[in-house]
Protein backbone atom coordinates (compact mmCIF):
# COMPACT_ATOMS: atom_id res chain seq x y z
CA UNK A 1 52.92 -132.39 4.02
CA UNK A 2 54.74 -133.87 6.93
CA UNK A 3 57.44 -132.19 8.92
CA UNK A 4 59.93 -134.71 7.59
CA UNK A 5 59.11 -133.70 4.04
CA UNK A 6 59.52 -130.02 4.91
CA UNK A 7 62.90 -130.64 6.43
CA UNK A 8 63.92 -132.64 3.41
CA UNK A 9 62.90 -129.87 1.02
CA UNK A 10 64.62 -127.25 3.12
CA UNK A 11 67.77 -129.33 3.06
CA UNK A 12 67.61 -129.65 -0.73
CA UNK A 13 67.05 -125.90 -1.07
CA UNK A 14 70.00 -125.18 1.15
CA UNK A 15 72.15 -127.56 -0.84
CA UNK A 16 71.04 -125.87 -4.10
CA UNK A 17 71.84 -122.45 -2.68
CA UNK A 18 75.29 -123.62 -1.64
CA UNK A 19 75.90 -125.10 -5.07
CA UNK A 20 74.78 -121.87 -6.79
CA UNK A 21 76.97 -119.77 -4.51
CA UNK A 22 79.88 -122.07 -5.24
CA UNK A 23 79.31 -121.80 -8.96
CA UNK A 24 79.07 -118.02 -8.73
CA UNK A 25 82.26 -117.92 -6.71
CA UNK A 26 84.05 -120.03 -9.31
CA UNK A 27 82.83 -117.75 -12.07
CA UNK A 28 83.98 -114.65 -10.24
CA UNK A 29 87.31 -116.32 -9.50
CA UNK A 30 87.77 -117.25 -13.17
CA UNK A 31 86.80 -113.75 -14.28
CA UNK A 32 89.14 -112.21 -11.74
CA UNK A 33 91.90 -114.55 -12.83
CA UNK A 34 91.24 -113.63 -16.47
CA UNK A 35 91.24 -109.94 -15.66
CA UNK A 36 94.44 -110.36 -13.71
CA UNK A 37 96.03 -112.26 -16.58
CA UNK A 38 94.96 -109.60 -19.06
CA UNK A 39 96.18 -106.85 -16.75
CA UNK A 40 99.48 -108.66 -16.39
CA UNK A 41 99.78 -109.00 -20.15
CA UNK A 42 99.03 -105.30 -20.65
CA UNK A 43 101.56 -104.36 -18.01
CA UNK A 44 104.17 -106.55 -19.68
CA UNK A 45 103.37 -104.94 -23.04
CA UNK A 46 103.71 -101.49 -21.55
CA UNK A 47 107.03 -102.43 -20.00
CA UNK A 48 108.22 -103.85 -23.32
CA UNK A 49 107.25 -100.68 -25.17
CA UNK A 50 108.90 -98.50 -22.52
CA UNK A 51 112.07 -100.55 -22.80
CA UNK A 52 112.03 -100.20 -26.58
CA UNK A 53 111.59 -96.44 -26.19
CA UNK A 54 114.52 -96.29 -23.77
CA UNK A 55 116.68 -98.27 -26.18
CA UNK A 56 115.65 -96.04 -29.08
CA UNK A 57 116.32 -92.87 -27.09
CA UNK A 58 119.72 -94.19 -26.01
CA UNK A 59 120.56 -95.02 -29.64
CA UNK A 60 119.47 -91.56 -30.80
CA UNK A 61 121.51 -89.91 -28.07
CA UNK A 62 124.53 -91.98 -29.04
CA UNK A 63 124.11 -90.93 -32.68
CA UNK A 64 123.86 -87.28 -31.62
CA UNK A 65 127.00 -87.65 -29.52
CA UNK A 66 128.84 -89.24 -32.43
CA UNK A 67 127.67 -86.47 -34.77
CA UNK A 68 128.86 -83.79 -32.36
CA UNK A 69 132.18 -85.58 -32.07
CA UNK A 70 132.54 -85.74 -35.86
CA UNK A 71 131.68 -82.04 -36.17
CA UNK A 72 134.17 -81.17 -33.44
CA UNK A 73 136.92 -83.19 -35.10
CA UNK A 74 136.12 -81.65 -38.49
CA UNK A 75 136.24 -78.16 -36.98
CA UNK A 76 139.59 -78.89 -35.34
CA UNK A 77 140.93 -80.19 -38.67
CA UNK A 78 139.73 -77.03 -40.47
CA UNK A 79 141.27 -74.79 -37.83
CA UNK A 80 144.55 -76.68 -38.10
CA UNK A 81 144.53 -76.38 -41.89
CA UNK A 82 143.74 -72.68 -41.67
CA UNK A 83 146.55 -72.11 -39.17
CA UNK A 84 148.97 -73.94 -41.45
CA UNK A 85 147.74 -71.91 -44.44
CA UNK A 86 148.22 -68.61 -42.58
CA UNK A 87 151.71 -69.64 -41.51
CA UNK A 88 152.69 -70.62 -45.07
CA UNK A 89 151.28 -67.37 -46.46
CA UNK A 90 153.14 -65.23 -43.96
CA UNK A 91 156.33 -67.15 -44.66
CA UNK A 92 155.87 -66.75 -48.41
CA UNK A 93 155.24 -63.02 -48.14
CA UNK A 94 158.17 -62.40 -45.81
CA UNK A 95 160.44 -64.33 -48.17
CA UNK A 96 159.53 -62.09 -51.09
CA UNK A 97 161.61 -59.19 -49.86
CA UNK A 98 164.79 -61.03 -50.80
CA UNK A 99 163.47 -62.65 -53.99
CA UNK A 100 161.85 -59.89 -56.02
CA UNK A 101 165.04 -58.20 -57.17
CA UNK A 102 165.77 -56.89 -60.67
CA UNK A 103 168.73 -56.17 -62.92
CA UNK A 104 169.52 -52.56 -63.59
CA UNK A 105 167.01 -50.87 -65.93
CA UNK A 106 165.03 -54.17 -66.18
CA UNK A 107 161.56 -55.32 -65.12
CA UNK A 108 162.09 -58.95 -66.09
CA UNK A 109 161.51 -61.57 -63.39
CA UNK A 110 164.23 -64.14 -62.85
CA UNK A 111 163.56 -67.85 -62.32
CA UNK A 112 163.90 -67.64 -58.54
CA UNK A 113 161.32 -64.85 -58.36
CA UNK A 114 158.90 -66.79 -60.57
CA UNK A 115 159.22 -69.86 -58.32
CA UNK A 116 158.49 -67.82 -55.19
CA UNK A 117 155.51 -66.18 -56.86
CA UNK A 118 154.21 -69.60 -57.86
CA UNK A 119 154.28 -70.65 -54.18
CA UNK A 120 152.55 -67.45 -53.13
CA UNK A 121 149.85 -67.72 -55.78
CA UNK A 122 149.06 -71.32 -54.75
CA UNK A 123 148.15 -69.96 -51.31
CA UNK A 124 146.23 -66.92 -52.53
CA UNK A 125 143.91 -68.94 -54.78
CA UNK A 126 142.69 -70.75 -51.65
CA UNK A 127 141.37 -67.51 -50.13
CA UNK A 128 140.08 -65.06 -52.70
CA UNK A 129 139.30 -62.46 -50.02
CA UNK A 130 142.99 -62.13 -49.14
CA UNK A 131 144.52 -59.04 -50.75
CA UNK A 132 148.09 -57.92 -51.31
CA UNK A 133 149.73 -54.65 -52.17
CA UNK A 134 152.83 -54.55 -54.39
CA UNK A 135 155.23 -51.62 -54.21
CA UNK A 136 157.81 -51.14 -56.92
CA UNK A 137 161.16 -49.43 -56.36
CA UNK A 138 164.32 -48.53 -58.29
CA UNK A 139 167.80 -47.37 -57.44
CA UNK A 140 168.72 -43.71 -57.89
CA UNK A 141 170.30 -44.05 -61.32
CA UNK A 142 168.37 -42.44 -64.14
CA UNK A 143 165.82 -39.65 -64.09
CA UNK A 144 162.84 -39.51 -61.77
CA UNK A 145 160.31 -40.07 -64.56
CA UNK A 146 162.29 -42.96 -65.98
CA UNK A 147 162.56 -44.59 -62.58
CA UNK A 148 158.85 -44.06 -61.91
CA UNK A 149 157.96 -45.84 -65.16
CA UNK A 150 160.46 -48.61 -64.38
CA UNK A 151 158.97 -49.11 -60.92
CA UNK A 152 155.52 -49.33 -62.52
CA UNK A 153 156.75 -51.93 -64.98
CA UNK A 154 158.22 -54.01 -62.17
CA UNK A 155 155.06 -54.14 -60.05
CA UNK A 156 152.99 -54.93 -63.14
CA UNK A 157 155.35 -57.80 -63.98
CA UNK A 158 154.86 -59.27 -60.52
CA UNK A 159 151.08 -58.78 -60.61
CA UNK A 160 150.81 -60.33 -64.07
CA UNK A 161 152.76 -63.36 -62.91
CA UNK A 162 150.41 -63.86 -59.94
CA UNK A 163 147.35 -63.52 -62.17
CA UNK A 164 148.82 -65.99 -64.65
CA UNK A 165 149.08 -68.45 -61.75
CA UNK A 166 145.36 -68.09 -60.92
CA UNK A 167 145.23 -65.16 -58.50
CA UNK A 168 142.29 -62.84 -59.12
CA UNK A 169 143.20 -59.31 -60.31
CA UNK A 170 141.17 -57.71 -57.52
CA UNK A 171 143.37 -59.47 -54.95
CA UNK A 172 146.43 -57.46 -55.98
CA UNK A 173 146.93 -53.72 -55.64
CA UNK A 174 150.04 -52.04 -57.05
CA UNK A 175 151.94 -48.86 -56.38
CA UNK A 176 155.01 -47.48 -58.15
CA UNK A 177 157.21 -45.72 -55.60
CA UNK A 178 160.21 -45.15 -57.88
CA UNK A 179 163.54 -44.29 -56.32
CA UNK A 180 162.15 -43.13 -52.94
CA UNK A 181 162.57 -45.06 -49.67
CA UNK A 182 165.80 -46.93 -50.46
CA UNK A 183 166.65 -49.75 -48.07
CA UNK A 184 170.39 -49.54 -48.79
CA UNK A 185 172.86 -47.00 -50.03
CA UNK A 186 172.81 -46.09 -53.70
CA UNK A 187 176.54 -45.39 -53.59
CA UNK A 188 177.51 -49.07 -54.09
CA UNK A 189 176.51 -51.74 -56.58
CA UNK A 190 175.38 -54.05 -53.77
CA UNK A 191 173.21 -51.32 -52.25
CA UNK A 192 171.63 -50.41 -55.59
CA UNK A 193 170.84 -54.10 -56.22
CA UNK A 194 168.87 -54.21 -52.98
CA UNK A 195 166.93 -51.08 -53.92
CA UNK A 196 165.79 -52.51 -57.26
CA UNK A 197 162.91 -54.45 -55.75
CA UNK A 198 159.19 -55.09 -55.39
CA UNK A 199 157.85 -55.36 -51.87
CA UNK A 200 154.78 -57.43 -50.96
CA UNK A 201 152.43 -56.32 -48.20
CA UNK A 202 149.32 -58.07 -46.90
CA UNK A 203 146.49 -55.54 -46.70
CA UNK A 204 144.59 -57.64 -44.15
CA UNK A 205 145.67 -60.37 -41.75
CA UNK A 206 145.40 -63.85 -43.29
CA UNK A 207 141.81 -64.99 -42.74
CA UNK A 208 141.82 -68.44 -44.32
């Protein structure tokens, strides 16, 4: 084989090697490009999922904030209602001292007293734990035993009216004091009228 032929074959071999290297480089480049594309797609997917998670977390936080706000507003409304209820109850009880008056030798409630008791009972039925004590009094006319029985009849009349309006019996305690502890003189008709009374006392502070 001549030197020219050897050179020719060497040249062909070199060209083949270059072509193979080029092909291998193209393959590697395509594979790298594919890997890079896939990696980019995965990164984009991860970013999309992270964004969705952030949006979901923000939505959940917003819902929790709204729920706390609703609970806070509801609590404020309840506290306001309870404060109004306590104020009305205290007003109703304090007003009883002038309303629960009786005619001489009588335990019958008048219309004004019944109306005030209706207002009081409407408040008591809203808080069954609230208890009252009723104290019955008389003027000094009549015997002690008679006045004691009359005082008992008066407090029972008031209690029965409250129960008839829906108040539970266990919410009302009664005591017949008779002619003791007058709040006015028994020497005048006006004074005796003030002494013929039933007083209302709250046993515990309003807790509604």
